Amino acid sequence: MTEDEPKAWVGDQVWDADAEKEGVVTDVKAGTFVLREVYSWTLTWTAPTHERLKVTVPRAERLRQRQELGW
């Protein structure tokens, strides 16, 4: 991650380089990031730090897309 890239936070869609998959950050507990698969609420995993998470769709953009779709 470079200084120009946003740090992952709750609601962001991210690429997890360690897990080699995309997910959504749902919580941060004691510095550990809890992620879920993009199209599932039940399949979750954790990432020990934001350093290997790359934001692919920021939370604000995800919310705008949902609103446009009428969700």
N, C-alpha and C. Protein backbone atom coordinates (compact mmCIF):
# COMPACT_ATOMS: atom_id res chain seq x y z
N MET A 1 0.84 -1.17 0.00
CA MET A 1 0.00 0.00 0.00
C MET A 1 0.89 1.23 0.00
N THR A 2 0.50 2.23 -0.79
CA THR A 2 1.25 3.49 -0.82
C THR A 2 0.53 4.52 0.03
N GLU A 3 1.19 5.66 0.25
CA GLU A 3 0.57 6.70 1.07
C GLU A 3 -0.69 7.26 0.43
N ASP A 4 -0.79 7.22 -0.91
CA ASP A 4 -1.94 7.78 -1.61
C ASP A 4 -3.18 6.89 -1.55
N GLU A 5 -2.99 5.61 -1.29
CA GLU A 5 -4.12 4.69 -1.24
C GLU A 5 -4.83 4.82 0.11
N PRO A 6 -6.17 4.79 0.08
CA PRO A 6 -6.91 4.88 1.35
C PRO A 6 -6.72 3.63 2.20
N LYS A 7 -6.73 3.81 3.50
CA LYS A 7 -6.67 2.66 4.41
C LYS A 7 -8.06 2.05 4.52
N ALA A 8 -8.11 0.74 4.56
CA ALA A 8 -9.39 0.04 4.66
C ALA A 8 -10.07 0.33 5.98
N TRP A 9 -11.40 0.44 5.93
CA TRP A 9 -12.18 0.62 7.14
C TRP A 9 -13.55 0.01 6.93
N VAL A 10 -14.35 -0.03 7.97
CA VAL A 10 -15.67 -0.68 7.94
C VAL A 10 -16.50 -0.13 6.77
N GLY A 11 -17.04 -1.06 6.00
CA GLY A 11 -17.88 -0.70 4.86
C GLY A 11 -17.16 -0.70 3.54
N ASP A 12 -15.83 -0.67 3.56
CA ASP A 12 -15.06 -0.68 2.32
C ASP A 12 -15.00 -2.09 1.73
N GLN A 13 -15.06 -2.15 0.41
CA GLN A 13 -14.81 -3.41 -0.29
C GLN A 13 -13.32 -3.44 -0.57
N VAL A 14 -12.67 -4.56 -0.24
CA VAL A 14 -11.22 -4.63 -0.31
C VAL A 14 -10.74 -5.93 -0.97
N TRP A 15 -9.51 -5.90 -1.45
CA TRP A 15 -8.82 -7.11 -1.89
C TRP A 15 -7.87 -7.50 -0.77
N ASP A 16 -8.02 -8.71 -0.26
CA ASP A 16 -7.15 -9.23 0.79
C ASP A 16 -6.06 -10.05 0.12
N ALA A 17 -4.84 -9.52 0.11
CA ALA A 17 -3.73 -10.19 -0.58
C ALA A 17 -3.36 -11.51 0.08
N ASP A 18 -3.52 -11.62 1.39
CA ASP A 18 -3.20 -12.87 2.07
C ASP A 18 -4.22 -13.96 1.76
N ALA A 19 -5.50 -13.62 1.79
CA ALA A 19 -6.55 -14.61 1.52
C ALA A 19 -6.78 -14.79 0.01
N GLU A 20 -6.24 -13.87 -0.77
CA GLU A 20 -6.39 -13.88 -2.23
C GLU A 20 -7.85 -13.87 -2.65
N LYS A 21 -8.63 -12.99 -1.99
CA LYS A 21 -10.03 -12.82 -2.38
C LYS A 21 -10.53 -11.45 -1.95
N GLU A 22 -11.67 -11.09 -2.54
CA GLU A 22 -12.26 -9.80 -2.25
C GLU A 22 -13.33 -9.95 -1.18
N GLY A 23 -13.47 -8.93 -0.36
CA GLY A 23 -14.47 -8.95 0.70
C GLY A 23 -14.84 -7.55 1.15
N VAL A 24 -15.71 -7.48 2.13
CA VAL A 24 -16.16 -6.22 2.71
C VAL A 24 -15.78 -6.21 4.18
N VAL A 25 -15.16 -5.12 4.63
CA VAL A 25 -14.80 -4.99 6.04
C VAL A 25 -16.08 -4.76 6.83
N THR A 26 -16.36 -5.64 7.80
CA THR A 26 -17.58 -5.52 8.59
C THR A 26 -17.32 -5.03 10.01
N ASP A 27 -16.10 -5.19 10.49
CA ASP A 27 -15.79 -4.79 11.87
C ASP A 27 -14.28 -4.74 12.04
N VAL A 28 -13.85 -4.02 13.05
CA VAL A 28 -12.44 -4.00 13.45
C VAL A 28 -12.42 -4.21 14.96
N LYS A 29 -11.81 -5.31 15.38
CA LYS A 29 -11.76 -5.66 16.80
C LYS A 29 -10.32 -5.76 17.24
N ALA A 30 -9.90 -4.88 18.13
CA ALA A 30 -8.53 -4.87 18.66
C ALA A 30 -7.49 -4.89 17.53
N GLY A 31 -7.77 -4.13 16.46
CA GLY A 31 -6.84 -4.03 15.35
C GLY A 31 -6.95 -5.12 14.31
N THR A 32 -7.80 -6.12 14.55
CA THR A 32 -8.02 -7.20 13.59
C THR A 32 -9.26 -6.87 12.76
N PHE A 33 -9.11 -6.97 11.45
CA PHE A 33 -10.20 -6.64 10.53
C PHE A 33 -11.03 -7.90 10.27
N VAL A 34 -12.34 -7.77 10.42
CA VAL A 34 -13.28 -8.85 10.14
C VAL A 34 -13.88 -8.57 8.77
N LEU A 35 -13.77 -9.54 7.87
CA LEU A 35 -14.28 -9.38 6.51
C LEU A 35 -15.32 -10.44 6.20
N ARG A 36 -16.19 -10.12 5.25
CA ARG A 36 -17.15 -11.09 4.73
C ARG A 36 -17.03 -11.09 3.23
N GLU A 37 -17.46 -12.18 2.61
CA GLU A 37 -17.46 -12.23 1.16
C GLU A 37 -18.44 -11.18 0.63
N VAL A 38 -18.17 -10.69 -0.56
CA VAL A 38 -18.96 -9.60 -1.13
C VAL A 38 -20.43 -9.93 -1.23
N TYR A 39 -20.77 -11.14 -1.63
CA TYR A 39 -22.18 -11.51 -1.83
C TYR A 39 -22.68 -12.51 -0.81
N SER A 40 -22.11 -12.48 0.39
CA SER A 40 -22.54 -13.39 1.44
C SER A 40 -22.39 -12.71 2.80
N TRP A 41 -23.34 -12.94 3.68
CA TRP A 41 -23.23 -12.40 5.04
C TRP A 41 -22.65 -13.43 6.00
N THR A 42 -22.55 -14.67 5.58
CA THR A 42 -22.15 -15.72 6.51
C THR A 42 -20.70 -16.17 6.38
N LEU A 43 -20.10 -16.02 5.21
CA LEU A 43 -18.73 -16.47 5.00
C LEU A 43 -17.76 -15.36 5.40
N THR A 44 -17.12 -15.52 6.55
CA THR A 44 -16.25 -14.47 7.06
C THR A 44 -14.84 -14.98 7.32
N TRP A 45 -13.90 -14.04 7.43
CA TRP A 45 -12.52 -14.33 7.81
C TRP A 45 -11.92 -13.08 8.41
N THR A 46 -10.73 -13.18 8.94
CA THR A 46 -10.09 -12.03 9.57
C THR A 46 -8.75 -11.72 8.90
N ALA A 47 -8.36 -10.47 9.02
CA ALA A 47 -7.04 -10.01 8.57
C ALA A 47 -6.41 -9.29 9.76
N PRO A 48 -5.18 -9.62 10.10
CA PRO A 48 -4.56 -9.06 11.30
C PRO A 48 -4.23 -7.57 11.21
N THR A 49 -4.20 -7.01 10.00
CA THR A 49 -3.85 -5.60 9.81
C THR A 49 -4.39 -5.10 8.48
N HIS A 50 -4.46 -3.80 8.32
CA HIS A 50 -4.94 -3.22 7.06
C HIS A 50 -3.86 -3.22 5.98
N GLU A 51 -2.63 -3.54 6.35
CA GLU A 51 -1.51 -3.41 5.42
C GLU A 51 -1.62 -4.27 4.17
N ARG A 52 -2.31 -5.40 4.25
CA ARG A 52 -2.44 -6.29 3.08
C ARG A 52 -3.83 -6.18 2.45
N LEU A 53 -4.60 -5.17 2.89
CA LEU A 53 -5.93 -4.93 2.33
C LEU A 53 -5.88 -3.72 1.40
N LYS A 54 -6.37 -3.88 0.18
CA LYS A 54 -6.40 -2.78 -0.77
C LYS A 54 -7.85 -2.43 -1.06
N VAL A 55 -8.22 -1.18 -0.82
CA VAL A 55 -9.60 -0.73 -1.06
C VAL A 55 -9.88 -0.78 -2.55
N THR A 56 -10.92 -1.52 -2.93
CA THR A 56 -11.34 -1.60 -4.33
C THR A 56 -12.57 -0.74 -4.59
N VAL A 57 -13.48 -0.69 -3.60
CA VAL A 57 -14.66 0.17 -3.69
C VAL A 57 -14.88 0.79 -2.30
N PRO A 58 -14.68 2.10 -2.16
CA PRO A 58 -14.88 2.73 -0.85
C PRO A 58 -16.35 2.64 -0.41
N ARG A 59 -16.56 2.74 0.89
CA ARG A 59 -17.90 2.64 1.47
C ARG A 59 -18.88 3.61 0.81
N ALA A 60 -18.47 4.87 0.63
CA ALA A 60 -19.36 5.88 0.04
C ALA A 60 -19.82 5.47 -1.36
N GLU A 61 -18.94 4.90 -2.14
CA GLU A 61 -19.29 4.44 -3.49
C GLU A 61 -20.23 3.24 -3.42
N ARG A 62 -19.98 2.32 -2.49
CA ARG A 62 -20.87 1.16 -2.33
C ARG A 62 -22.28 1.61 -1.96
N LEU A 63 -22.38 2.60 -1.06
CA LEU A 63 -23.70 3.10 -0.65
C LEU A 63 -24.41 3.79 -1.82
N ARG A 64 -23.66 4.56 -2.62
CA ARG A 64 -24.24 5.23 -3.77
C ARG A 64 -24.77 4.20 -4.77
N GLN A 65 -24.00 3.13 -5.02
CA GLN A 65 -24.43 2.08 -5.93
C GLN A 65 -25.70 1.40 -5.43
N ARG A 66 -25.75 1.12 -4.13
CA ARG A 66 -26.94 0.48 -3.56
C ARG A 66 -28.17 1.37 -3.72
N GLN A 67 -27.98 2.68 -3.49
CA GLN A 67 -29.10 3.61 -3.60
C GLN A 67 -29.61 3.67 -5.05
N GLU A 68 -28.69 3.67 -6.00
CA GLU A 68 -29.07 3.71 -7.41
C GLU A 68 -29.87 2.45 -7.80
N LEU A 69 -29.54 1.32 -7.20
CA LEU A 69 -30.22 0.07 -7.49
C LEU A 69 -31.53 -0.08 -6.70
N GLY A 70 -31.77 0.84 -5.77
CA GLY A 70 -32.99 0.79 -4.99
C GLY A 70 -32.99 -0.22 -3.86
N TRP A 71 -31.78 -0.56 -3.36
CA TRP A 71 -31.68 -1.53 -2.27
C TRP A 71 -31.96 -0.90 -0.95
